Amino acid sequence: MASTSPIRPGRRRQRSVRVTVAVVLLSLATLAVVLTIPGQSPVWLSTAAVFSLACGWAAARIVYSELAQSRREAAADRAAQAQAYRSLFSERASEHAEFTSTMTDRLVRREQEVAELETAVVDAERRAIEAEARVQREARRANEAQEKLAELQEAIEIRKAEEADELASWDAGIFGPQLETVVDLMAWEQKVSTSAQSDSGQKHA
C-alpha cells in the first residue's frame, strides 16, 4: 500500500524558522507597545503602534504563506498518494486479469481433461461390456460345441454298434449254409474213406 510522501528535514527547518520569525515579530510588537505605554509619549506610541501593526501584518503574512505552503504540500501529497493508489490499482487490476486468465485457462484445460477421462471411462466400460458379451457368446458356443461333440460321439458309438450287428447278421446269413455244406462234405468224405478202408481190408483177408 502506498504511503504519503515523507516531509523533508529542510522543509521542517524552514517551517520552524518561519514560525519562529512570526513569534519574534509578535513578541517585539508586544514589547514595543508595553514599553511605550508608561511614557505616554505620542511619538513613541505612534511609532510603537506602526511598528506593532507592521510586525502583526508581517507575522500574518508569514503564517499565511506557511499555511498556503502546507496546503499545497498536503495537496501534492494527496495527489502523489492518489497517483500511487492509481498505479497500485492498475497493477493489481493487471495482476487480477492475468490471474483470472490463468485460472480460466487452467479450468478449461481441467474440464477438457475431465471430459477426455469421462470419454475414456465410457469407452472402457463399452469395451468391457462387449468383451463380456463376447466371452459369454464364446462360452455358449463352446458349450454347444461340447454338446454337439458328445452327441456325435454317441451317434458314432451307436452307428458302430449297428454296423457290428449288421456285419454279424450278414456273415451269419451268407456263410451259415456254406459252413453246413462243408461240414456235410467232410463227413461224407470221412465215411467214404472209412468204407474204402473196410473194403480193402476185406479183400486182403
Protein backbone atom coordinates (compact mmCIF):
# COMPACT_ATOMS: atom_id res chain seq x y z
CA MET A 1 0.00 0.00 0.00
CA ALA A 2 1.35 3.43 -0.95
CA SER A 3 2.25 5.79 1.89
CA THR A 4 2.23 9.59 1.96
CA SER A 5 5.45 11.26 0.86
CA PRO A 6 7.63 11.99 3.89
CA ILE A 7 8.32 15.64 4.86
CA ARG A 8 11.89 16.55 4.16
CA PRO A 9 14.08 17.85 7.01
CA GLY A 10 14.74 21.10 5.03
CA ARG A 11 11.03 21.87 4.92
CA ARG A 12 10.68 21.25 8.64
CA ARG A 13 13.55 23.62 9.40
CA GLN A 14 12.07 26.22 7.03
CA ARG A 15 8.67 25.95 8.69
CA SER A 16 10.15 26.21 12.17
CA VAL A 17 12.18 29.28 11.13
CA ARG A 18 9.09 30.97 9.69
CA VAL A 19 7.02 30.25 12.76
CA THR A 20 9.88 31.45 14.97
CA VAL A 21 10.17 34.69 12.97
CA ALA A 22 6.43 35.29 13.25
CA VAL A 23 6.55 34.69 17.00
CA VAL A 24 9.55 37.01 17.34
CA LEU A 25 7.78 39.75 15.37
CA LEU A 26 4.68 39.48 17.53
CA SER A 27 6.85 39.47 20.65
CA LEU A 28 8.67 42.65 19.50
CA ALA A 29 5.37 44.36 18.72
CA THR A 30 4.07 43.42 22.15
CA LEU A 31 7.29 44.60 23.81
CA ALA A 32 7.23 47.90 21.93
CA VAL A 33 3.67 48.60 22.98
CA VAL A 34 4.38 47.62 26.58
CA LEU A 35 7.46 49.90 26.72
CA THR A 36 5.79 52.94 25.19
CA ILE A 37 2.63 52.89 27.29
CA PRO A 38 4.25 54.16 30.57
CA GLY A 39 5.91 57.12 28.82
CA GLN A 40 2.63 58.41 27.37
CA SER A 41 4.63 59.98 24.51
CA PRO A 42 2.52 60.39 21.39
CA VAL A 43 5.52 59.99 19.14
CA TRP A 44 6.65 56.78 20.76
CA LEU A 45 3.10 55.49 20.96
CA SER A 46 2.58 56.22 17.26
CA THR A 47 5.90 54.64 16.40
CA ALA A 48 5.12 51.57 18.55
CA ALA A 49 1.65 51.33 17.02
CA VAL A 50 3.00 51.47 13.48
CA PHE A 51 5.80 49.05 14.38
CA SER A 52 3.31 46.67 16.04
CA LEU A 53 0.99 46.90 13.07
CA ALA A 54 3.84 46.14 10.67
CA CYS A 55 5.01 43.25 12.81
CA GLY A 56 1.46 41.90 13.01
CA TRP A 57 0.96 42.07 9.25
CA ALA A 58 4.39 40.54 8.65
CA ALA A 59 3.62 37.70 11.10
CA ALA A 60 0.20 37.22 9.50
CA ARG A 61 1.82 37.14 6.07
CA ILE A 62 4.39 34.61 7.23
CA VAL A 63 1.73 32.43 8.85
CA TYR A 64 -0.49 32.71 5.75
CA SER A 65 2.43 31.76 3.50
CA GLU A 66 3.20 28.84 5.78
CA LEU A 67 -0.45 27.77 5.76
CA ALA A 68 -0.71 28.08 1.97
CA GLN A 69 2.52 26.14 1.53
CA SER A 70 1.27 23.47 3.94
CA ARG A 71 -1.96 23.19 1.97
CA ARG A 72 -0.06 22.96 -1.31
CA GLU A 73 2.24 20.31 0.12
CA ALA A 74 -0.76 18.42 1.52
CA ALA A 75 -2.48 18.64 -1.85
CA ALA A 76 0.71 17.47 -3.56
CA ASP A 77 0.97 14.61 -1.06
CA ARG A 78 -2.66 13.66 -1.68
CA ALA A 79 -2.11 13.84 -5.42
CA ALA A 80 1.03 11.69 -5.11
CA GLN A 81 -0.88 9.26 -2.90
CA ALA A 82 -3.77 9.19 -5.36
CA GLN A 83 -1.30 8.56 -8.18
CA ALA A 84 0.31 5.82 -6.13
CA TYR A 85 -3.10 4.31 -5.42
CA ARG A 86 -3.96 4.60 -9.12
CA SER A 87 -0.73 2.88 -10.09
CA LEU A 88 -1.28 0.25 -7.42
CA PHE A 89 -4.86 -0.26 -8.60
CA SER A 90 -3.70 -0.58 -12.21
CA GLU A 91 -1.02 -3.07 -11.15
CA ARG A 92 -3.49 -5.05 -9.07
CA ALA A 93 -6.04 -4.93 -11.91
CA SER A 94 -3.46 -6.25 -14.38
CA GLU A 95 -2.41 -8.94 -11.88
CA HIS A 96 -6.05 -9.84 -11.29
CA ALA A 97 -6.70 -10.01 -15.04
CA GLU A 98 -3.62 -12.18 -15.52
CA PHE A 99 -4.65 -14.40 -12.60
CA THR A 100 -8.19 -14.65 -13.94
CA SER A 101 -6.89 -15.55 -17.40
CA THR A 102 -4.52 -18.16 -15.96
CA MET A 103 -7.22 -19.71 -13.79
CA THR A 104 -9.68 -19.69 -16.71
CA ASP A 105 -7.14 -21.48 -18.89
CA ARG A 106 -6.49 -23.98 -16.10
CA LEU A 107 -10.22 -24.56 -15.64
CA VAL A 108 -10.69 -25.02 -19.38
CA ARG A 109 -7.80 -27.49 -19.51
CA ARG A 110 -9.13 -29.27 -16.43
CA GLU A 111 -12.60 -29.51 -17.97
CA GLN A 112 -11.06 -30.87 -21.18
CA GLU A 113 -9.07 -33.43 -19.20
CA VAL A 114 -12.19 -34.41 -17.25
CA ALA A 115 -14.17 -34.74 -20.48
CA GLU A 116 -11.40 -36.87 -22.02
CA LEU A 117 -11.26 -39.04 -18.91
CA GLU A 118 -15.04 -39.45 -18.93
CA THR A 119 -14.90 -40.41 -22.62
CA ALA A 120 -12.10 -42.89 -21.89
CA VAL A 121 -14.10 -44.37 -19.00
CA VAL A 122 -17.20 -44.70 -21.19
CA ASP A 123 -15.12 -46.36 -23.94
CA ALA A 124 -13.51 -48.70 -21.41
CA GLU A 125 -16.93 -49.63 -19.99
CA ARG A 126 -18.27 -50.21 -23.51
CA ARG A 127 -15.27 -52.37 -24.42
CA ALA A 128 -15.65 -54.28 -21.15
CA ILE A 129 -19.34 -54.90 -21.88
CA GLU A 130 -18.52 -56.00 -25.42
CA ALA A 131 -15.73 -58.26 -24.15
CA GLU A 132 -18.04 -59.76 -21.54
CA ALA A 133 -20.72 -60.35 -24.15
CA ARG A 134 -18.09 -61.87 -26.47
CA VAL A 135 -16.88 -64.15 -23.68
CA GLN A 136 -20.43 -65.21 -22.94
CA ARG A 137 -21.03 -65.93 -26.64
CA GLU A 138 -17.79 -67.90 -26.88
CA ALA A 139 -18.64 -69.83 -23.70
CA ARG A 140 -22.10 -70.57 -25.10
CA ARG A 141 -20.58 -71.68 -28.39
CA ALA A 142 -18.05 -73.84 -26.53
CA ASN A 143 -20.87 -75.46 -24.55
CA GLU A 144 -22.85 -76.02 -27.73
CA ALA A 145 -19.77 -77.47 -29.42
CA GLN A 146 -19.18 -79.81 -26.50
CA GLU A 147 -22.82 -80.89 -26.58
CA LYS A 148 -22.63 -81.48 -30.32
CA LEU A 149 -19.36 -83.39 -29.87
CA ALA A 150 -20.96 -85.57 -27.19
CA GLU A 151 -23.96 -86.16 -29.46
CA LEU A 152 -21.67 -87.02 -32.39
CA GLN A 153 -19.64 -89.40 -30.25
CA GLU A 154 -22.82 -91.07 -29.04
CA ALA A 155 -24.09 -91.27 -32.63
CA ILE A 156 -20.75 -92.77 -33.72
CA GLU A 157 -20.91 -95.36 -30.96
CA ILE A 158 -24.48 -96.24 -31.91
CA ARG A 159 -23.50 -96.40 -35.58
CA LYS A 160 -20.55 -98.65 -34.77
CA ALA A 161 -22.79 -100.94 -32.75
CA GLU A 162 -25.36 -101.02 -35.56
CA GLU A 163 -22.65 -101.75 -38.15
CA ALA A 164 -21.26 -104.55 -35.96
CA ASP A 165 -24.73 -106.03 -35.65
CA GLU A 166 -25.33 -105.74 -39.38
CA LEU A 167 -21.93 -107.31 -40.14
CA ALA A 168 -22.59 -110.20 -37.76
CA SER A 169 -26.03 -110.81 -39.20
CA TRP A 170 -24.68 -110.54 -42.75
CA ASP A 171 -21.86 -113.03 -42.02
CA ALA A 172 -24.33 -115.43 -40.48
CA GLY A 173 -26.70 -115.13 -43.42
CA ILE A 174 -24.06 -115.72 -46.09
CA PHE A 175 -21.59 -118.13 -44.58
CA GLY A 176 -24.05 -120.21 -42.49
CA PRO A 177 -25.28 -122.57 -45.37
CA GLN A 178 -21.81 -122.84 -46.80
CA LEU A 179 -20.42 -123.95 -43.47
CA GLU A 180 -23.12 -126.62 -43.18
CA THR A 181 -22.30 -127.88 -46.69
CA VAL A 182 -18.62 -128.03 -45.89
CA VAL A 183 -19.32 -129.98 -42.73
CA ASP A 184 -21.54 -132.41 -44.63
CA LEU A 185 -18.85 -132.88 -47.29
CA MET A 186 -16.21 -133.52 -44.69
CA ALA A 187 -18.45 -136.10 -43.01
CA TRP A 188 -19.19 -137.78 -46.35
CA GLU A 189 -15.51 -137.89 -47.23
CA GLN A 190 -14.80 -139.45 -43.87
CA LYS A 191 -17.47 -142.08 -44.48
CA VAL A 192 -16.11 -142.80 -47.93
CA SER A 193 -12.59 -143.20 -46.64
CA THR A 194 -13.83 -145.46 -43.83
CA SER A 195 -15.80 -147.66 -46.19
CA ALA A 196 -12.84 -147.82 -48.61
CA GLN A 197 -10.54 -148.92 -45.85
CA SER A 198 -13.04 -151.57 -44.76
CA ASP A 199 -13.34 -152.88 -48.32
CA SER A 200 -9.59 -153.12 -48.77
CA GLY A 201 -9.31 -154.94 -45.51
CA GLN A 202 -11.85 -157.48 -46.57
CA LYS A 203 -10.07 -158.12 -49.88
CA HIS A 204 -6.79 -158.80 -48.18
CA ALA A 205 -8.48 -161.16 -45.87
